PDB file of N, CA and C in Angstrom:
ATOM      1  N   MET A   1     -20.248  47.141 -78.971  1.00  0.00           N
ATOM      2  CA  MET A   1     -21.236  46.611 -78.045  1.00  0.00           C
ATOM      3  C   MET A   1     -21.044  45.099 -77.917  1.00  0.00           C
ATOM      4  N   LYS A   2     -21.021  44.637 -76.701  1.00  0.00           N
ATOM      5  CA  LYS A   2     -20.873  43.210 -76.423  1.00  0.00           C
ATOM      6  C   LYS A   2     -22.214  42.509 -76.663  1.00  0.00           C
ATOM      7  N   THR A   3     -22.169  41.350 -77.347  1.00  0.00           N
ATOM      8  CA  THR A   3     -23.398  40.615 -77.646  1.00  0.00           C
ATOM      9  C   THR A   3     -23.240  39.131 -77.320  1.00  0.00           C
ATOM     10  N   MET A   4     -24.395  38.476 -77.151  1.00  0.00           N
ATOM     11  CA  MET A   4     -24.460  37.023 -76.974  1.00  0.00           C
ATOM     12  C   MET A   4     -25.624  36.527 -77.818  1.00  0.00           C
ATOM     13  N   THR A   5     -25.532  35.303 -78.266  1.00  0.00           N
ATOM     14  CA  THR A   5     -26.650  34.698 -78.990  1.00  0.00           C
ATOM     15  C   THR A   5     -27.688  34.218 -77.978  1.00  0.00           C
ATOM     16  N   THR A   6     -28.880  33.964 -78.461  1.00  0.00           N
ATOM     17  CA  THR A   6     -29.913  33.415 -77.579  1.00  0.00           C
ATOM     18  C   THR A   6     -29.476  32.053 -77.052  1.00  0.00           C
ATOM     19  N   GLN A   7     -28.767  31.284 -77.869  1.00  0.00           N
ATOM     20  CA  GLN A   7     -28.291  29.970 -77.441  1.00  0.00           C
ATOM     21  C   GLN A   7     -27.305  30.101 -76.277  1.00  0.00           C
ATOM     22  N   GLN A   8     -26.401  31.066 -76.357  1.00  0.00           N
ATOM     23  CA  GLN A   8     -25.438  31.278 -75.275  1.00  0.00           C
ATOM     24  C   GLN A   8     -26.148  31.669 -73.977  1.00  0.00           C
ATOM     25  N   VAL A   9     -27.144  32.540 -74.093  1.00  0.00           N
ATOM     26  CA  VAL A   9     -27.902  32.957 -72.907  1.00  0.00           C
ATOM     27  C   VAL A   9     -28.679  31.772 -72.349  1.00  0.00           C
ATOM     28  N   GLN A  10     -29.284  30.979 -73.238  1.00  0.00           N
ATOM     29  CA  GLN A  10     -30.035  29.810 -72.797  1.00  0.00           C
ATOM     30  C   GLN A  10     -29.131  28.847 -72.024  1.00  0.00           C
ATOM     31  N   GLU A  11     -27.920  28.656 -72.493  1.00  0.00           N
ATOM     32  CA  GLU A  11     -26.973  27.776 -71.801  1.00  0.00           C
ATOM     33  C   GLU A  11     -26.651  28.308 -70.402  1.00  0.00           C
ATOM     34  N   LEU A  12     -26.495  29.632 -70.277  1.00  0.00           N
ATOM     35  CA  LEU A  12     -26.255  30.227 -68.962  1.00  0.00           C
ATOM     36  C   LEU A  12     -27.453  30.011 -68.036  1.00  0.00           C
ATOM     37  N   VAL A  13     -28.659  30.239 -68.564  1.00  0.00           N
ATOM     38  CA  VAL A  13     -29.883  30.065 -67.767  1.00  0.00           C
ATOM     39  C   VAL A  13     -30.004  28.613 -67.306  1.00  0.00           C
ATOM     40  N   GLU A  14     -29.787  27.679 -68.215  1.00  0.00           N
ATOM     41  CA  GLU A  14     -29.939  26.259 -67.899  1.00  0.00           C
ATOM     42  C   GLU A  14     -28.851  25.749 -66.955  1.00  0.00           C
ATOM     43  N   SER A  15     -27.700  26.422 -66.924  1.00  0.00           N
ATOM     44  CA  SER A  15     -26.618  26.010 -66.030  1.00  0.00           C
ATOM     45  C   SER A  15     -26.846  26.502 -64.602  1.00  0.00           C
ATOM     46  N   LYS A  16     -27.904  27.272 -64.416  1.00  0.00           N
ATOM     47  CA  LYS A  16     -28.281  27.816 -63.096  1.00  0.00           C
ATOM     48  C   LYS A  16     -27.237  28.793 -62.553  1.00  0.00           C
ATOM     49  N   GLN A  17     -26.412  29.348 -63.445  1.00  0.00           N
ATOM     50  CA  GLN A  17     -25.462  30.378 -63.015  1.00  0.00           C
ATOM     51  C   GLN A  17     -26.242  31.622 -62.598  1.00  0.00           C
ATOM     52  N   ALA A  18     -25.674  32.372 -61.696  1.00  0.00           N
ATOM     53  CA  ALA A  18     -26.309  33.620 -61.263  1.00  0.00           C
ATOM     54  C   ALA A  18     -26.082  34.667 -62.355  1.00  0.00           C
ATOM     55  N   ILE A  19     -27.101  34.909 -63.146  1.00  0.00           N
ATOM     56  CA  ILE A  19     -27.011  35.937 -64.192  1.00  0.00           C
ATOM     57  C   ILE A  19     -28.136  36.943 -63.970  1.00  0.00           C
ATOM     58  N   HIS A  20     -27.944  38.133 -64.511  1.00  0.00           N
ATOM     59  CA  HIS A  20     -28.916  39.207 -64.348  1.00  0.00           C
ATOM     60  C   HIS A  20     -29.470  39.563 -65.724  1.00  0.00           C
ATOM     61  N   LEU A  21     -30.713  39.186 -65.946  1.00  0.00           N
ATOM     62  CA  LEU A  21     -31.387  39.470 -67.213  1.00  0.00           C
ATOM     63  C   LEU A  21     -32.343  40.637 -67.020  1.00  0.00           C
ATOM     64  N   ILE A  22     -32.270  41.612 -67.912  1.00  0.00           N
ATOM     65  CA  ILE A  22     -33.194  42.743 -67.897  1.00  0.00           C
ATOM     66  C   ILE A  22     -33.968  42.711 -69.209  1.00  0.00           C
ATOM     67  N   ASP A  23     -35.280  42.554 -69.114  1.00  0.00           N
ATOM     68  CA  ASP A  23     -36.158  42.524 -70.288  1.00  0.00           C
ATOM     69  C   ASP A  23     -36.730  43.922 -70.460  1.00  0.00           C
ATOM     70  N   VAL A  24     -36.386  44.584 -71.573  1.00  0.00           N
ATOM     71  CA  VAL A  24     -36.795  45.976 -71.780  1.00  0.00           C
ATOM     72  C   VAL A  24     -38.058  46.111 -72.617  1.00  0.00           C
ATOM     73  N   ARG A  25     -38.772  44.997 -72.818  1.00  0.00           N
ATOM     74  CA  ARG A  25     -40.047  45.072 -73.550  1.00  0.00           C
ATOM     75  C   ARG A  25     -41.118  45.710 -72.666  1.00  0.00           C
ATOM     76  N   GLU A  26     -42.199  46.111 -73.314  1.00  0.00           N
ATOM     77  CA  GLU A  26     -43.334  46.672 -72.588  1.00  0.00           C
ATOM     78  C   GLU A  26     -44.021  45.576 -71.774  1.00  0.00           C
ATOM     79  N   THR A  27     -44.733  45.985 -70.744  1.00  0.00           N
ATOM     80  CA  THR A  27     -45.383  45.060 -69.818  1.00  0.00           C
ATOM     81  C   THR A  27     -46.295  44.064 -70.525  1.00  0.00           C
ATOM     82  N   ASP A  28     -47.069  44.531 -71.517  1.00  0.00           N
ATOM     83  CA  ASP A  28     -47.986  43.626 -72.224  1.00  0.00           C
ATOM     84  C   ASP A  28     -47.225  42.590 -73.048  1.00  0.00           C
ATOM     85  N   GLU A  29     -46.060  42.936 -73.557  1.00  0.00           N
ATOM     86  CA  GLU A  29     -45.236  41.967 -74.292  1.00  0.00           C
ATOM     87  C   GLU A  29     -44.681  40.905 -73.338  1.00  0.00           C
ATOM     88  N   VAL A  30     -44.241  41.334 -72.178  1.00  0.00           N
ATOM     89  CA  VAL A  30     -43.673  40.417 -71.188  1.00  0.00           C
ATOM     90  C   VAL A  30     -44.745  39.460 -70.670  1.00  0.00           C
ATOM     91  N   ALA A  31     -45.979  39.926 -70.605  1.00  0.00           N
ATOM     92  CA  ALA A  31     -47.083  39.081 -70.124  1.00  0.00           C
ATOM     93  C   ALA A  31     -47.249  37.835 -70.992  1.00  0.00           C
ATOM     94  N   ALA A  32     -46.828  37.911 -72.249  1.00  0.00           N
ATOM     95  CA  ALA A  32     -46.927  36.763 -73.160  1.00  0.00           C
ATOM     96  C   ALA A  32     -45.832  35.735 -72.888  1.00  0.00           C
ATOM     97  N   GLY A  33     -44.856  36.073 -72.061  1.00  0.00           N
ATOM     98  CA  GLY A  33     -43.785  35.143 -71.707  1.00  0.00           C
ATOM     99  C   GLY A  33     -42.438  35.826 -71.653  1.00  0.00           C
ATOM    100  N   LYS A  34     -41.692  35.533 -70.592  1.00  0.00           N
ATOM    101  CA  LYS A  34     -40.340  36.074 -70.451  1.00  0.00           C
ATOM    102  C   LYS A  34     -39.415  34.966 -69.965  1.00  0.00           C
ATOM    103  N   ILE A  35     -38.133  35.203 -70.063  1.00  0.00           N
ATOM    104  CA  ILE A  35     -37.148  34.240 -69.590  1.00  0.00           C
ATOM    105  C   ILE A  35     -37.242  34.189 -68.063  1.00  0.00           C
ATOM    106  N   PRO A  36     -37.308  32.990 -67.485  1.00  0.00           N
ATOM    107  CA  PRO A  36     -37.397  32.888 -66.024  1.00  0.00           C
ATOM    108  C   PRO A  36     -36.270  33.654 -65.332  1.00  0.00           C
ATOM    109  N   GLY A  37     -36.634  34.458 -64.356  1.00  0.00           N
ATOM    110  CA  GLY A  37     -35.657  35.239 -63.601  1.00  0.00           C
ATOM    111  C   GLY A  37     -35.385  36.620 -64.157  1.00  0.00           C
ATOM    112  N   ALA A  38     -35.856  36.899 -65.369  1.00  0.00           N
ATOM    113  CA  ALA A  38     -35.630  38.223 -65.964  1.00  0.00           C
ATOM    114  C   ALA A  38     -36.455  39.275 -65.234  1.00  0.00           C
ATOM    115  N   ILE A  39     -35.874  40.448 -65.088  1.00  0.00           N
ATOM    116  CA  ILE A  39     -36.556  41.587 -64.490  1.00  0.00           C
ATOM    117  C   ILE A  39     -37.047  42.476 -65.629  1.00  0.00           C
ATOM    118  N   ASN A  40     -38.302  42.888 -65.571  1.00  0.00           N
ATOM    119  CA  ASN A  40     -38.859  43.750 -66.613  1.00  0.00           C
ATOM    120  C   ASN A  40     -38.670  45.214 -66.244  1.00  0.00           C
ATOM    121  N   ILE A  41     -37.892  45.906 -67.055  1.00  0.00           N
ATOM    122  CA  ILE A  41     -37.770  47.365 -66.973  1.00  0.00           C
ATOM    123  C   ILE A  41     -37.962  47.880 -68.392  1.00  0.00           C
ATOM    124  N   PRO A  42     -39.172  48.338 -68.745  1.00  0.00           N
ATOM    125  CA  PRO A  42     -39.403  48.829 -70.110  1.00  0.00           C
ATOM    126  C   PRO A  42     -38.364  49.880 -70.509  1.00  0.00           C
ATOM    127  N   LEU A  43     -37.964  49.858 -71.769  1.00  0.00           N
ATOM    128  CA  LEU A  43     -36.918  50.747 -72.262  1.00  0.00           C
ATOM    129  C   LEU A  43     -37.185  52.205 -71.883  1.00  0.00           C
ATOM    130  N   GLY A  44     -38.431  52.651 -71.992  1.00  0.00           N
ATOM    131  CA  GLY A  44     -38.767  54.038 -71.680  1.00  0.00           C
ATOM    132  C   GLY A  44     -38.568  54.416 -70.220  1.00  0.00           C
ATOM    133  N   LEU A  45     -38.484  53.424 -69.338  1.00  0.00           N
ATOM    134  CA  LEU A  45     -38.298  53.682 -67.907  1.00  0.00           C
ATOM    135  C   LEU A  45     -36.868  53.415 -67.440  1.00  0.00           C
ATOM    136  N   LEU A  46     -36.030  52.897 -68.328  1.00  0.00           N
ATOM    137  CA  LEU A  46     -34.686  52.473 -67.940  1.00  0.00           C
ATOM    138  C   LEU A  46     -33.874  53.603 -67.316  1.00  0.00           C
ATOM    139  N   GLU A  47     -33.917  54.776 -67.910  1.00  0.00           N
ATOM    140  CA  GLU A  47     -33.151  55.905 -67.381  1.00  0.00           C
ATOM    141  C   GLU A  47     -33.566  56.226 -65.950  1.00  0.00           C
ATOM    142  N   PHE A  48     -34.857  56.086 -65.648  1.00  0.00           N
ATOM    143  CA  PHE A  48     -35.381  56.427 -64.325  1.00  0.00           C
ATOM    144  C   PHE A  48     -35.179  55.309 -63.305  1.00  0.00           C
ATOM    145  N   ARG A  49     -34.987  54.084 -63.784  1.00  0.00           N
ATOM    146  CA  ARG A  49     -34.854  52.940 -62.874  1.00  0.00           C
ATOM    147  C   ARG A  49     -33.442  52.358 -62.815  1.00  0.00           C
ATOM    148  N   MET A  50     -32.491  52.974 -63.523  1.00  0.00           N
ATOM    149  CA  MET A  50     -31.146  52.399 -63.538  1.00  0.00           C
ATOM    150  C   MET A  50     -30.500  52.445 -62.161  1.00  0.00           C
ATOM    151  N   SER A  51     -31.005  53.263 -61.245  1.00  0.00           N
ATOM    152  CA  SER A  51     -30.469  53.284 -59.882  1.00  0.00           C
ATOM    153  C   SER A  51     -30.734  51.960 -59.162  1.00  0.00           C
ATOM    154  N   GLU A  52     -31.670  51.149 -59.685  1.00  0.00           N
ATOM    155  CA  GLU A  52     -31.961  49.837 -59.115  1.00  0.00           C
ATOM    156  C   GLU A  52     -30.878  48.810 -59.502  1.00  0.00           C
ATOM    157  N   LEU A  53     -30.045  49.164 -60.468  1.00  0.00           N
ATOM    158  CA  LEU A  53     -29.009  48.253 -60.962  1.00  0.00           C
ATOM    159  C   LEU A  53     -27.686  48.536 -60.261  1.00  0.00           C
ATOM    160  N   ASP A  54     -26.866  47.501 -60.120  1.00  0.00           N
ATOM    161  CA  ASP A  54     -25.582  47.582 -59.442  1.00  0.00           C
ATOM    162  C   ASP A  54     -24.465  47.604 -60.487  1.00  0.00           C
ATOM    163  N   LYS A  55     -23.650  48.636 -60.462  1.00  0.00           N
ATOM    164  CA  LYS A  55     -22.562  48.740 -61.443  1.00  0.00           C
ATOM    165  C   LYS A  55     -21.530  47.629 -61.292  1.00  0.00           C
ATOM    166  N   ALA A  56     -21.523  46.939 -60.163  1.00  0.00           N
ATOM    167  CA  ALA A  56     -20.586  45.842 -59.949  1.00  0.00           C
ATOM    168  C   ALA A  56     -21.083  44.537 -60.578  1.00  0.00           C
ATOM    169  N   SER A  57     -22.342  44.508 -61.013  1.00  0.00           N
ATOM    170  CA  SER A  57     -22.928  43.311 -61.625  1.00  0.00           C
ATOM    171  C   SER A  57     -22.897  43.422 -63.141  1.00  0.00           C
ATOM    172  N   GLU A  58     -23.003  42.264 -63.797  1.00  0.00           N
ATOM    173  CA  GLU A  58     -23.099  42.224 -65.255  1.00  0.00           C
ATOM    174  C   GLU A  58     -24.550  41.935 -65.631  1.00  0.00           C
ATOM    175  N   TYR A  59     -25.023  42.585 -66.677  1.00  0.00           N
ATOM    176  CA  TYR A  59     -26.413  42.445 -67.106  1.00  0.00           C
ATOM    177  C   TYR A  59     -26.496  42.010 -68.557  1.00  0.00           C
ATOM    178  N   ILE A  60     -27.509  41.196 -68.853  1.00  0.00           N
ATOM    179  CA  ILE A  60     -27.826  40.804 -70.221  1.00  0.00           C
ATOM    180  C   ILE A  60     -29.174  41.427 -70.546  1.00  0.00           C
ATOM    181  N   MET A  61     -29.197  42.208 -71.618  1.00  0.00           N
ATOM    182  CA  MET A  61     -30.405  42.929 -72.008  1.00  0.00           C
ATOM    183  C   MET A  61     -31.177  42.127 -73.059  1.00  0.00           C
ATOM    184  N   VAL A  62     -32.505  42.083 -72.888  1.00  0.00           N
ATOM    185  CA  VAL A  62     -33.382  41.272 -73.736  1.00  0.00           C
ATOM    186  C   VAL A  62     -34.550  42.124 -74.221  1.00  0.00           C
ATOM    187  N   CYS A  63     -34.966  41.915 -75.467  1.00  0.00           N
ATOM    188  CA  CYS A  63     -36.205  42.514 -75.976  1.00  0.00           C
ATOM    189  C   CYS A  63     -36.814  41.549 -76.990  1.00  0.00           C
ATOM    190  N   ARG A  64     -37.696  42.032 -77.837  1.00  0.00           N
ATOM    191  CA  ARG A  64     -38.368  41.166 -78.796  1.00  0.00           C
ATOM    192  C   ARG A  64     -37.430  40.662 -79.881  1.00  0.00           C
ATOM    193  N   SER A  65     -36.639  41.578 -80.485  1.00  0.00           N
ATOM    194  CA  SER A  65     -35.786  41.177 -81.614  1.00  0.00           C
ATOM    195  C   SER A  65     -34.313  41.560 -81.453  1.00  0.00           C
ATOM    196  N   GLY A  66     -33.986  42.345 -80.456  1.00  0.00           N
ATOM    197  CA  GLY A  66     -32.597  42.756 -80.233  1.00  0.00           C
ATOM    198  C   GLY A  66     -32.346  44.234 -80.446  1.00  0.00           C
ATOM    199  N   GLY A  67     -33.297  44.954 -81.012  1.00  0.00           N
ATOM    200  CA  GLY A  67     -33.122  46.380 -81.282  1.00  0.00           C
ATOM    201  C   GLY A  67     -33.196  47.250 -80.034  1.00  0.00           C
ATOM    202  N   ARG A  68     -34.292  47.121 -79.299  1.00  0.00           N
ATOM    203  CA  ARG A  68     -34.446  47.926 -78.075  1.00  0.00           C
ATOM    204  C   ARG A  68     -33.412  47.535 -77.025  1.00  0.00           C
ATOM    205  N   SER A  69     -33.116  46.245 -76.930  1.00  0.00           N
ATOM    206  CA  SER A  69     -32.104  45.829 -75.958  1.00  0.00           C
ATOM    207  C   SER A  69     -30.734  46.363 -76.371  1.00  0.00           C
ATOM    208  N   GLY A  70     -30.501  46.514 -77.674  1.00  0.00           N
ATOM    209  CA  GLY A  70     -29.268  47.134 -78.148  1.00  0.00           C
ATOM    210  C   GLY A  70     -29.169  48.585 -77.715  1.00  0.00           C
ATOM    211  N   GLN A  71     -30.289  49.303 -77.816  1.00  0.00           N
ATOM    212  CA  GLN A  71     -30.330  50.698 -77.347  1.00  0.00           C
ATOM    213  C   GLN A  71     -30.048  50.755 -75.854  1.00  0.00           C
ATOM    214  N   ALA A  72     -30.688  49.846 -75.104  1.00  0.00           N
ATOM    215  CA  ALA A  72     -30.498  49.802 -73.647  1.00  0.00           C
ATOM    216  C   ALA A  72     -29.046  49.471 -73.302  1.00  0.00           C
ATOM    217  N   THR A  73     -28.452  48.546 -74.058  1.00  0.00           N
ATOM    218  CA  THR A  73     -27.060  48.158 -73.824  1.00  0.00           C
ATOM    219  C   THR A  73     -26.132  49.345 -74.037  1.00  0.00           C
ATOM    220  N   ARG A  74     -26.311  50.056 -75.130  1.00  0.00           N
ATOM    221  CA  ARG A  74     -25.465  51.228 -75.404  1.00  0.00           C
ATOM    222  C   ARG A  74     -25.645  52.295 -74.315  1.00  0.00           C
ATOM    223  N   PHE A  75     -26.896  52.544 -73.923  1.00  0.00           N
ATOM    224  CA  PHE A  75     -27.181  53.556 -72.908  1.00  0.00           C
ATOM    225  C   PHE A  75     -26.508  53.203 -71.582  1.00  0.00           C
ATOM    226  N   LEU A  76     -26.719  51.970 -71.100  1.00  0.00           N
ATOM    227  CA  LEU A  76     -26.146  51.576 -69.810  1.00  0.00           C
ATOM    228  C   LEU A  76     -24.622  51.494 -69.876  1.00  0.00           C
ATOM    229  N   ASP A  77     -24.080  51.053 -70.999  1.00  0.00           N
ATOM    230  CA  ASP A  77     -22.629  51.017 -71.170  1.00  0.00           C
ATOM    231  C   ASP A  77     -22.050  52.420 -71.017  1.00  0.00           C
ATOM    232  N   ASN A  78     -22.712  53.404 -71.610  1.00  0.00           N
ATOM    233  CA  ASN A  78     -22.264  54.799 -71.503  1.00  0.00           C
ATOM    234  C   ASN A  78     -22.370  55.333 -70.078  1.00  0.00           C
ATOM    235  N   GLN A  79     -23.218  54.707 -69.255  1.00  0.00           N
ATOM    236  CA  GLN A  79     -23.387  55.115 -67.860  1.00  0.00           C
ATOM    237  C   GLN A  79     -22.434  54.360 -66.927  1.00  0.00           C
ATOM    238  N   GLY A  80     -21.608  53.472 -67.485  1.00  0.00           N
ATOM    239  CA  GLY A  80     -20.619  52.767 -66.686  1.00  0.00           C
ATOM    240  C   GLY A  80     -21.023  51.374 -66.224  1.00  0.00           C
ATOM    241  N   TYR A  81     -22.123  50.829 -66.755  1.00  0.00           N
ATOM    242  CA  TYR A  81     -22.564  49.482 -66.406  1.00  0.00           C
ATOM    243  C   TYR A  81     -21.923  48.453 -67.339  1.00  0.00           C
ATOM    244  N   THR A  82     -21.806  47.226 -66.871  1.00  0.00           N
ATOM    245  CA  THR A  82     -21.299  46.124 -67.686  1.00  0.00           C
ATOM    246  C   THR A  82     -22.507  45.398 -68.260  1.00  0.00           C
ATOM    247  N   VAL A  83     -22.710  45.549 -69.565  1.00  0.00           N
ATOM    248  CA  VAL A  83     -23.924  45.029 -70.193  1.00  0.00           C
ATOM    249  C   VAL A  83     -23.616  44.302 -71.499  1.00  0.00           C
ATOM    250  N   THR A  84     -24.491  43.345 -71.816  1.00  0.00           N
ATOM    251  CA  THR A  84     -24.395  42.556 -73.037  1.00  0.00           C
ATOM    252  C   THR A  84     -25.778  42.509 -73.661  1.00  0.00           C
ATOM    253  N   ASN A  85     -25.837  42.621 -74.968  1.00  0.00           N
ATOM    254  CA  ASN A  85     -27.107  42.530 -75.684  1.00  0.00           C
ATOM    255  C   ASN A  85     -27.338  41.097 -76.155  1.00  0.00           C
ATOM    256  N   MET A  86     -28.550  40.575 -75.935  1.00  0.00           N
ATOM    257  CA  MET A  86     -28.909  39.258 -76.457  1.00  0.00           C
ATOM    258  C   MET A  86     -29.420  39.446 -77.891  1.00  0.00           C
ATOM    259  N   ASP A  87     -28.587  39.092 -78.864  1.00  0.00           N
ATOM    260  CA  ASP A  87     -28.956  39.202 -80.281  1.00  0.00           C
ATOM    261  C   ASP A  87     -30.145  38.302 -80.605  1.00  0.00           C
ATOM    262  N   GLY A  88     -31.048  38.810 -81.424  1.00  0.00           N
ATOM    263  CA  GLY A  88     -32.185  38.003 -81.868  1.00  0.00           C
ATOM    264  C   GLY A  88     -33.404  38.110 -80.977  1.00  0.00           C
ATOM    265  N   GLY A  89     -33.184  38.475 -79.720  1.00  0.00           N
ATOM    266  CA  GLY A  89     -34.289  38.679 -78.796  1.00  0.00           C
ATOM    267  C   GLY A  89     -35.178  37.463 -78.593  1.00  0.00           C
ATOM    268  N   MET A  90     -36.363  37.720 -78.077  1.00  0.00           N
ATOM    269  CA  MET A  90     -37.304  36.649 -77.764  1.00  0.00           C
ATOM    270  C   MET A  90     -37.812  35.939 -79.018  1.00  0.00           C
ATOM    271  N   LEU A  91     -37.707  36.580 -80.177  1.00  0.00           N
ATOM    272  CA  LEU A  91     -38.111  35.910 -81.418  1.00  0.00           C
ATOM    273  C   LEU A  91     -37.244  34.685 -81.687  1.00  0.00           C
ATOM    274  N   ASP A  92     -35.980  34.735 -81.257  1.00  0.00           N
ATOM    275  CA  ASP A  92     -35.056  33.613 -81.467  1.00  0.00           C
ATOM    276  C   ASP A  92     -34.946  32.702 -80.252  1.00  0.00           C
ATOM    277  N   TRP A  93     -35.614  33.045 -79.164  1.00  0.00           N
ATOM    278  CA  TRP A  93     -35.493  32.282 -77.925  1.00  0.00           C
ATOM    279  C   TRP A  93     -36.227  30.958 -78.028  1.00  0.00           C
ATOM    280  N   ASN A  94     -35.531  29.855 -77.735  1.00  0.00           N
ATOM    281  CA  ASN A  94     -36.135  28.528 -77.772  1.00  0.00           C
ATOM    282  C   ASN A  94     -36.235  27.901 -76.387  1.00  0.00           C
ATOM    283  N   GLY A  95     -35.776  28.623 -75.373  1.00  0.00           N
ATOM    284  CA  GLY A  95     -35.789  28.094 -74.021  1.00  0.00           C
ATOM    285  C   GLY A  95     -37.121  28.297 -73.329  1.00  0.00           C
ATOM    286  N   GLN A  96     -37.119  27.960 -72.048  1.00  0.00           N
ATOM    287  CA  GLN A  96     -38.314  28.059 -71.220  1.00  0.00           C
ATOM    288  C   GLN A  96     -38.720  29.523 -71.016  1.00  0.00           C
ATOM    289  N   THR A  97     -40.012  29.761 -70.892  1.00  0.00           N
ATOM    290  CA  THR A  97     -40.528  31.095 -70.529  1.00  0.00           C
ATOM    291  C   THR A  97     -41.546  30.918 -69.421  1.00  0.00           C
ATOM    292  N   ASN A  98     -41.813  32.009 -68.744  1.00  0.00           N
ATOM    293  CA  ASN A  98     -42.883  32.001 -67.744  1.00  0.00           C
ATOM    294  C   ASN A  98     -43.638  33.288 -67.782  1.00  0.00           C
TER     295      ASN A  98
END
């Protein structure tokens, strides 16, 4: 499984590069703050909403600590998507949230 540190993701976000972040936390968790530009698709709904994702794009998966996003990364990778897990999750995130 491909991974990135929170610092690496933060550098991408701050560089204003076009990146696709998918936050797989539950809605109430995301309400407390998410990375700007991240799309919330709770892990339990990912299988049903993956048609919203483009296989030609690369995605970075985010959750609270890296566990659920790891599950999401493995699942989408098996479906043919290009995905990376953000190790450490929002617990390690020091960047801006909204």
